All heavy atoms as atom14 arrays in JSON, in Angstrom:
{
  "sequence": "MNHILYATDKNYCEVCAVSLYSLLKNFSGKALIHII",
  "atom14_mask": [
    [1, 1, 1, 1, 1, 1, 1, 1, 0, 0, 0, 0, 0, 0],
    [1, 1, 1, 1, 1, 1, 1, 1, 0, 0, 0, 0, 0, 0],
    [1, 1, 1, 1, 1, 1, 1, 1, 1, 1, 0, 0, 0, 0],
    [1, 1, 1, 1, 1, 1, 1, 1, 0, 0, 0, 0, 0, 0],
    [1, 1, 1, 1, 1, 1, 1, 1, 0, 0, 0, 0, 0, 0],
    [1, 1, 1, 1, 1, 1, 1, 1, 1, 1, 1, 1, 0, 0],
    [1, 1, 1, 1, 1, 0, 0, 0, 0, 0, 0, 0, 0, 0],
    [1, 1, 1, 1, 1, 1, 1, 0, 0, 0, 0, 0, 0, 0],
    [1, 1, 1, 1, 1, 1, 1, 1, 0, 0, 0, 0, 0, 0],
    [1, 1, 1, 1, 1, 1, 1, 1, 1, 0, 0, 0, 0, 0],
    [1, 1, 1, 1, 1, 1, 1, 1, 0, 0, 0, 0, 0, 0],
    [1, 1, 1, 1, 1, 1, 1, 1, 1, 1, 1, 1, 0, 0],
    [1, 1, 1, 1, 1, 1, 0, 0, 0, 0, 0, 0, 0, 0],
    [1, 1, 1, 1, 1, 1, 1, 1, 1, 0, 0, 0, 0, 0],
    [1, 1, 1, 1, 1, 1, 1, 0, 0, 0, 0, 0, 0, 0],
    [1, 1, 1, 1, 1, 1, 0, 0, 0, 0, 0, 0, 0, 0],
    [1, 1, 1, 1, 1, 0, 0, 0, 0, 0, 0, 0, 0, 0],
    [1, 1, 1, 1, 1, 1, 1, 0, 0, 0, 0, 0, 0, 0],
    [1, 1, 1, 1, 1, 1, 0, 0, 0, 0, 0, 0, 0, 0],
    [1, 1, 1, 1, 1, 1, 1, 1, 0, 0, 0, 0, 0, 0],
    [1, 1, 1, 1, 1, 1, 1, 1, 1, 1, 1, 1, 0, 0],
    [1, 1, 1, 1, 1, 1, 0, 0, 0, 0, 0, 0, 0, 0],
    [1, 1, 1, 1, 1, 1, 1, 1, 0, 0, 0, 0, 0, 0],
    [1, 1, 1, 1, 1, 1, 1, 1, 0, 0, 0, 0, 0, 0],
    [1, 1, 1, 1, 1, 1, 1, 1, 1, 0, 0, 0, 0, 0],
    [1, 1, 1, 1, 1, 1, 1, 1, 0, 0, 0, 0, 0, 0],
    [1, 1, 1, 1, 1, 1, 1, 1, 1, 1, 1, 0, 0, 0],
    [1, 1, 1, 1, 1, 1, 0, 0, 0, 0, 0, 0, 0, 0],
    [1, 1, 1, 1, 0, 0, 0, 0, 0, 0, 0, 0, 0, 0],
    [1, 1, 1, 1, 1, 1, 1, 1, 1, 0, 0, 0, 0, 0],
    [1, 1, 1, 1, 1, 0, 0, 0, 0, 0, 0, 0, 0, 0],
    [1, 1, 1, 1, 1, 1, 1, 1, 0, 0, 0, 0, 0, 0],
    [1, 1, 1, 1, 1, 1, 1, 1, 0, 0, 0, 0, 0, 0],
    [1, 1, 1, 1, 1, 1, 1, 1, 1, 1, 0, 0, 0, 0],
    [1, 1, 1, 1, 1, 1, 1, 1, 0, 0, 0, 0, 0, 0],
    [1, 1, 1, 1, 1, 1, 1, 1, 0, 0, 0, 0, 0, 0]
  ],
  "atom14_positions": [
    [[10.88, 3.15, 12.8], [9.83, 3.31, 11.77], [9.51, 1.96, 11.13], [10.42, 1.2, 10.79], [10.31, 4.3, 10.69], [9.42, 4.37, 9.45], [7.76, 5.03, 9.76], [8.13, 6.77, 9.92], [0.0, 0.0, 0.0], [0.0, 0.0, 0.0], [0.0, 0.0, 0.0], [0.0, 0.0, 0.0], [0.0, 0.0, 0.0], [0.0, 0.0, 0.0]],
    [[8.25, 1.65, 10.99], [7.82, 0.46, 10.29], [7.49, 0.8, 8.84], [7.22, 1.96, 8.5], [6.59, -0.15, 10.98], [6.95, -0.73, 12.33], [7.97, -1.4, 12.48], [6.13, -0.48, 13.34], [0.0, 0.0, 0.0], [0.0, 0.0, 0.0], [0.0, 0.0, 0.0], [0.0, 0.0, 0.0], [0.0, 0.0, 0.0], [0.0, 0.0, 0.0]],
    [[7.49, -0.21, 8.0], [7.38, 0.03, 6.56], [6.38, -0.94, 5.94], [6.27, -2.1, 6.36], [8.74, -0.16, 5.89], [9.83, 0.68, 6.49], [10.21, 1.89, 5.97], [10.61, 0.47, 7.58], [11.18, 2.4, 6.71], [11.43, 1.57, 7.69], [0.0, 0.0, 0.0], [0.0, 0.0, 0.0], [0.0, 0.0, 0.0], [0.0, 0.0, 0.0]],
    [[5.67, -0.47, 4.92], [4.74, -1.28, 4.15], [5.24, -1.3, 2.72], [5.65, -0.27, 2.17], [3.31, -0.71, 4.2], [2.75, -0.82, 5.63], [2.39, -1.44, 3.22], [1.51, 0.01, 5.87], [0.0, 0.0, 0.0], [0.0, 0.0, 0.0], [0.0, 0.0, 0.0], [0.0, 0.0, 0.0], [0.0, 0.0, 0.0], [0.0, 0.0, 0.0]],
    [[5.23, -2.48, 2.1], [5.79, -2.62, 0.76], [4.82, -3.3, -0.19], [4.21, -4.32, 0.14], [7.08, -3.45, 0.84], [7.72, -3.87, -0.49], [8.25, -2.64, -1.25], [8.84, -4.88, -0.26], [0.0, 0.0, 0.0], [0.0, 0.0, 0.0], [0.0, 0.0, 0.0], [0.0, 0.0, 0.0], [0.0, 0.0, 0.0], [0.0, 0.0, 0.0]],
    [[4.69, -2.71, -1.39], [4.01, -3.34, -2.51], [4.95, -3.3, -3.71], [5.9, -2.5, -3.74], [2.73, -2.57, -2.9], [1.56, -2.74, -1.98], [1.32, -1.83, -0.94], [0.63, -3.76, -2.16], [0.23, -1.96, -0.1], [-0.49, -3.89, -1.33], [-0.68, -2.99, -0.31], [-1.77, -3.12, 0.52], [0.0, 0.0, 0.0], [0.0, 0.0, 0.0]],
    [[4.67, -4.11, -4.71], [5.38, -4.05, -5.99], [4.32, -4.17, -7.07], [3.49, -5.08, -7.05], [6.4, -5.17, -6.12], [0.0, 0.0, 0.0], [0.0, 0.0, 0.0], [0.0, 0.0, 0.0], [0.0, 0.0, 0.0], [0.0, 0.0, 0.0], [0.0, 0.0, 0.0], [0.0, 0.0, 0.0], [0.0, 0.0, 0.0], [0.0, 0.0, 0.0]],
    [[4.32, -3.23, -8.04], [3.27, -3.25, -9.05], [3.73, -2.6, -10.34], [4.75, -1.9, -10.37], [2.0, -2.55, -8.52], [0.91, -2.78, -9.43], [2.21, -1.05, -8.37], [0.0, 0.0, 0.0], [0.0, 0.0, 0.0], [0.0, 0.0, 0.0], [0.0, 0.0, 0.0], [0.0, 0.0, 0.0], [0.0, 0.0, 0.0], [0.0, 0.0, 0.0]],
    [[2.95, -2.82, -11.39], [3.16, -2.13, -12.65], [1.84, -1.48, -13.06], [0.85, -1.55, -12.32], [3.67, -3.09, -13.74], [2.7, -4.24, -14.0], [1.5, -4.12, -13.68], [3.16, -5.28, -14.52], [0.0, 0.0, 0.0], [0.0, 0.0, 0.0], [0.0, 0.0, 0.0], [0.0, 0.0, 0.0], [0.0, 0.0, 0.0], [0.0, 0.0, 0.0]],
    [[1.82, -0.83, -14.22], [0.64, -0.06, -14.6], [-0.59, -0.95, -14.82], [-1.73, -0.5, -14.68], [0.92, 0.77, -15.85], [1.23, -0.03, -17.1], [1.51, 0.92, -18.27], [1.85, 0.14, -19.54], [2.15, 1.06, -20.66], [0.0, 0.0, 0.0], [0.0, 0.0, 0.0], [0.0, 0.0, 0.0], [0.0, 0.0, 0.0], [0.0, 0.0, 0.0]],
    [[-0.4, -2.22, -15.16], [-1.52, -3.11, -15.41], [-2.23, -3.53, -14.12], [-3.39, -3.93, -14.15], [-1.05, -4.35, -16.16], [-0.51, -4.03, -17.54], [-1.09, -3.22, -18.26], [0.6, -4.65, -17.9], [0.0, 0.0, 0.0], [0.0, 0.0, 0.0], [0.0, 0.0, 0.0], [0.0, 0.0, 0.0], [0.0, 0.0, 0.0], [0.0, 0.0, 0.0]],
    [[-1.53, -3.46, -13.01], [-2.08, -3.91, -11.73], [-2.25, -2.76, -10.75], [-2.57, -2.98, -9.59], [-1.18, -4.99, -11.14], [-1.88, -6.29, -10.81], [-2.58, -6.99, -11.79], [-1.88, -6.8, -9.52], [-3.22, -8.18, -11.49], [-2.51, -7.99, -9.21], [-3.18, -8.67, -10.21], [-3.83, -9.84, -9.91], [0.0, 0.0, 0.0], [0.0, 0.0, 0.0]],
    [[-2.05, -1.54, -11.22], [-2.03, -0.39, -10.31], [-3.35, -0.19, -9.58], [-3.36, 0.1, -8.38], [-1.66, 0.87, -11.09], [-1.47, 2.32, -10.04], [0.0, 0.0, 0.0], [0.0, 0.0, 0.0], [0.0, 0.0, 0.0], [0.0, 0.0, 0.0], [0.0, 0.0, 0.0], [0.0, 0.0, 0.0], [0.0, 0.0, 0.0], [0.0, 0.0, 0.0]],
    [[-4.49, -0.33, -10.28], [-5.79, -0.12, -9.63], [-6.04, -1.16, -8.54], [-6.57, -0.84, -7.48], [-6.93, -0.18, -10.66], [-6.88, 0.91, -11.7], [-5.97, 0.56, -12.86], [-6.0, -0.58, -13.33], [-5.2, 1.44, -13.29], [0.0, 0.0, 0.0], [0.0, 0.0, 0.0], [0.0, 0.0, 0.0], [0.0, 0.0, 0.0], [0.0, 0.0, 0.0]],
    [[-5.66, -2.4, -8.81], [-5.82, -3.46, -7.81], [-4.94, -3.16, -6.6], [-5.35, -3.34, -5.45], [-5.47, -4.83, -8.42], [-5.58, -5.93, -7.38], [-6.4, -5.14, -9.6], [0.0, 0.0, 0.0], [0.0, 0.0, 0.0], [0.0, 0.0, 0.0], [0.0, 0.0, 0.0], [0.0, 0.0, 0.0], [0.0, 0.0, 0.0], [0.0, 0.0, 0.0]],
    [[-3.74, -2.68, -6.86], [-2.83, -2.3, -5.77], [-3.43, -1.15, -4.96], [-3.34, -1.13, -3.73], [-1.47, -1.9, -6.35], [-0.23, -1.48, -5.11], [0.0, 0.0, 0.0], [0.0, 0.0, 0.0], [0.0, 0.0, 0.0], [0.0, 0.0, 0.0], [0.0, 0.0, 0.0], [0.0, 0.0, 0.0], [0.0, 0.0, 0.0], [0.0, 0.0, 0.0]],
    [[-4.05, -0.18, -5.65], [-4.65, 0.96, -4.96], [-5.78, 0.53, -4.04], [-5.92, 1.04, -2.92], [-5.17, 1.98, -5.99], [0.0, 0.0, 0.0], [0.0, 0.0, 0.0], [0.0, 0.0, 0.0], [0.0, 0.0, 0.0], [0.0, 0.0, 0.0], [0.0, 0.0, 0.0], [0.0, 0.0, 0.0], [0.0, 0.0, 0.0], [0.0, 0.0, 0.0]],
    [[-6.59, -0.44, -4.48], [-7.67, -0.95, -3.64], [-7.1, -1.63, -2.4], [-7.58, -1.44, -1.28], [-8.56, -1.93, -4.43], [-9.56, -2.62, -3.51], [-9.29, -1.2, -5.55], [0.0, 0.0, 0.0], [0.0, 0.0, 0.0], [0.0, 0.0, 0.0], [0.0, 0.0, 0.0], [0.0, 0.0, 0.0], [0.0, 0.0, 0.0], [0.0, 0.0, 0.0]],
    [[-6.05, -2.41, -2.58], [-5.42, -3.08, -1.44], [-4.85, -2.06, -0.46], [-5.06, -2.18, 0.76], [-4.31, -4.01, -1.93], [-3.71, -4.69, -0.85], [0.0, 0.0, 0.0], [0.0, 0.0, 0.0], [0.0, 0.0, 0.0], [0.0, 0.0, 0.0], [0.0, 0.0, 0.0], [0.0, 0.0, 0.0], [0.0, 0.0, 0.0], [0.0, 0.0, 0.0]],
    [[-4.16, -1.07, -0.98], [-3.57, -0.04, -0.11], [-4.66, 0.72, 0.63], [-4.52, 1.01, 1.83], [-2.72, 0.91, -0.95], [-2.04, 2.05, -0.19], [-1.06, 1.52, 0.86], [-1.31, 2.98, -1.18], [0.0, 0.0, 0.0], [0.0, 0.0, 0.0], [0.0, 0.0, 0.0], [0.0, 0.0, 0.0], [0.0, 0.0, 0.0], [0.0, 0.0, 0.0]],
    [[-5.74, 1.04, -0.06], [-6.85, 1.75, 0.57], [-7.45, 0.92, 1.71], [-7.72, 1.42, 2.8], [-7.92, 2.06, -0.48], [-9.17, 2.71, 0.06], [-9.19, 4.06, 0.4], [-10.33, 1.97, 0.24], [-10.35, 4.65, 0.9], [-11.49, 2.54, 0.74], [-11.49, 3.88, 1.07], [-12.64, 4.46, 1.57], [0.0, 0.0, 0.0], [0.0, 0.0, 0.0]],
    [[-7.65, -0.4, 1.46], [-8.23, -1.26, 2.49], [-7.31, -1.35, 3.7], [-7.78, -1.45, 4.84], [-8.52, -2.65, 1.93], [-7.32, -3.39, 1.7], [0.0, 0.0, 0.0], [0.0, 0.0, 0.0], [0.0, 0.0, 0.0], [0.0, 0.0, 0.0], [0.0, 0.0, 0.0], [0.0, 0.0, 0.0], [0.0, 0.0, 0.0], [0.0, 0.0, 0.0]],
    [[-6.02, -1.32, 3.47], [-5.07, -1.38, 4.58], [-5.11, -0.1, 5.4], [-5.24, -0.13, 6.62], [-3.66, -1.63, 4.04], [-2.56, -1.8, 5.09], [-1.48, -2.75, 4.57], [-1.9, -0.48, 5.47], [0.0, 0.0, 0.0], [0.0, 0.0, 0.0], [0.0, 0.0, 0.0], [0.0, 0.0, 0.0], [0.0, 0.0, 0.0], [0.0, 0.0, 0.0]],
    [[-4.98, 1.04, 4.7], [-4.84, 2.32, 5.42], [-6.12, 2.75, 6.11], [-6.06, 3.4, 7.17], [-4.36, 3.4, 4.44], [-2.93, 3.21, 3.9], [-2.58, 4.36, 2.94], [-1.93, 3.15, 5.04], [0.0, 0.0, 0.0], [0.0, 0.0, 0.0], [0.0, 0.0, 0.0], [0.0, 0.0, 0.0], [0.0, 0.0, 0.0], [0.0, 0.0, 0.0]],
    [[-7.26, 2.39, 5.59], [-8.5, 2.81, 6.24], [-8.73, 2.08, 7.56], [-9.52, 2.51, 8.39], [-9.71, 2.65, 5.31], [-10.27, 1.27, 5.19], [-11.59, 1.31, 4.41], [-12.29, -0.02, 4.43], [-13.62, 0.05, 3.8], [0.0, 0.0, 0.0], [0.0, 0.0, 0.0], [0.0, 0.0, 0.0], [0.0, 0.0, 0.0], [0.0, 0.0, 0.0]],
    [[-8.01, 0.96, 7.73], [-8.11, 0.2, 8.98], [-6.86, 0.34, 9.86], [-6.81, -0.24, 10.94], [-8.31, -1.29, 8.66], [-9.64, -1.59, 8.04], [-10.68, -1.37, 8.65], [-9.63, -2.1, 6.82], [0.0, 0.0, 0.0], [0.0, 0.0, 0.0], [0.0, 0.0, 0.0], [0.0, 0.0, 0.0], [0.0, 0.0, 0.0], [0.0, 0.0, 0.0]],
    [[-5.88, 1.1, 9.41], [-4.56, 1.09, 10.03], [-4.44, 2.13, 11.13], [-4.73, 3.31, 10.92], [-3.5, 1.36, 8.95], [-2.09, 1.02, 9.36], [-1.73, -0.28, 9.65], [-1.13, 2.01, 9.44], [-0.44, -0.61, 10.01], [0.17, 1.7, 9.8], [0.52, 0.39, 10.08], [0.0, 0.0, 0.0], [0.0, 0.0, 0.0], [0.0, 0.0, 0.0]],
    [[-4.01, 1.71, 12.32], [-3.93, 2.62, 13.47], [-2.52, 3.17, 13.68], [-2.33, 4.07, 14.49], [-4.38, 1.89, 14.74], [-3.5, 0.81, 15.03], [0.0, 0.0, 0.0], [0.0, 0.0, 0.0], [0.0, 0.0, 0.0], [0.0, 0.0, 0.0], [0.0, 0.0, 0.0], [0.0, 0.0, 0.0], [0.0, 0.0, 0.0], [0.0, 0.0, 0.0]],
    [[-1.54, 2.62, 12.97], [-0.16, 3.02, 13.2], [0.34, 4.02, 12.17], [-0.42, 4.56, 11.36], [0.0, 0.0, 0.0], [0.0, 0.0, 0.0], [0.0, 0.0, 0.0], [0.0, 0.0, 0.0], [0.0, 0.0, 0.0], [0.0, 0.0, 0.0], [0.0, 0.0, 0.0], [0.0, 0.0, 0.0], [0.0, 0.0, 0.0], [0.0, 0.0, 0.0]],
    [[1.62, 4.26, 12.22], [2.28, 5.13, 11.26], [3.36, 4.32, 10.57], [4.16, 3.65, 11.21], [2.92, 6.33, 11.97], [3.6, 7.33, 11.03], [2.58, 8.12, 10.23], [3.27, 9.18, 9.36], [2.32, 9.9, 8.5], [0.0, 0.0, 0.0], [0.0, 0.0, 0.0], [0.0, 0.0, 0.0], [0.0, 0.0, 0.0], [0.0, 0.0, 0.0]],
    [[3.35, 4.35, 9.26], [4.34, 3.57, 8.51], [4.65, 4.28, 7.21], [3.81, 4.99, 6.65], [3.81, 2.17, 8.23], [0.0, 0.0, 0.0], [0.0, 0.0, 0.0], [0.0, 0.0, 0.0], [0.0, 0.0, 0.0], [0.0, 0.0, 0.0], [0.0, 0.0, 0.0], [0.0, 0.0, 0.0], [0.0, 0.0, 0.0], [0.0, 0.0, 0.0]],
    [[5.86, 4.09, 6.75], [6.25, 4.62, 5.45], [5.93, 3.56, 4.4], [6.28, 2.4, 4.55], [7.75, 4.94, 5.43], [8.32, 5.47, 4.11], [7.61, 6.74, 3.67], [9.82, 5.7, 4.23], [0.0, 0.0, 0.0], [0.0, 0.0, 0.0], [0.0, 0.0, 0.0], [0.0, 0.0, 0.0], [0.0, 0.0, 0.0], [0.0, 0.0, 0.0]],
    [[5.25, 3.99, 3.35], [4.84, 3.07, 2.29], [5.87, 3.11, 1.17], [6.24, 4.18, 0.69], [3.46, 3.47, 1.73], [2.41, 3.47, 2.85], [3.03, 2.51, 0.62], [1.21, 4.31, 2.56], [0.0, 0.0, 0.0], [0.0, 0.0, 0.0], [0.0, 0.0, 0.0], [0.0, 0.0, 0.0], [0.0, 0.0, 0.0], [0.0, 0.0, 0.0]],
    [[6.32, 1.93, 0.77], [7.25, 1.8, -0.35], [6.54, 1.05, -1.47], [5.89, 0.03, -1.21], [8.5, 1.03, 0.05], [9.21, 1.61, 1.24], [10.19, 2.58, 1.14], [9.08, 1.35, 2.56], [10.63, 2.88, 2.34], [9.97, 2.15, 3.23], [0.0, 0.0, 0.0], [0.0, 0.0, 0.0], [0.0, 0.0, 0.0], [0.0, 0.0, 0.0]],
    [[6.68, 1.52, -2.69], [6.13, 0.81, -3.83], [7.22, 0.66, -4.88], [7.73, 1.66, -5.4], [4.9, 1.53, -4.41], [3.77, 1.54, -3.38], [4.45, 0.85, -5.71], [2.51, 2.19, -3.81], [0.0, 0.0, 0.0], [0.0, 0.0, 0.0], [0.0, 0.0, 0.0], [0.0, 0.0, 0.0], [0.0, 0.0, 0.0], [0.0, 0.0, 0.0]],
    [[7.6, -0.59, -5.13], [8.55, -0.87, -6.21], [7.74, -0.87, -7.49], [6.86, -1.71, -7.68], [9.27, -2.21, -5.99], [10.02, -2.19, -4.65], [10.24, -2.49, -7.14], [10.69, -3.5, -4.29], [0.0, 0.0, 0.0], [0.0, 0.0, 0.0], [0.0, 0.0, 0.0], [0.0, 0.0, 0.0], [0.0, 0.0, 0.0], [0.0, 0.0, 0.0]]
  ]
}
């Protein structure tokens, strides 16, 4: 299994969500997402 990792807090959550969305909408594989 491959893994994707972000680290964020409530002040940066929306920016993190945009990044995650841009990744997953183009992503052809399967990965477990971890967010610290």
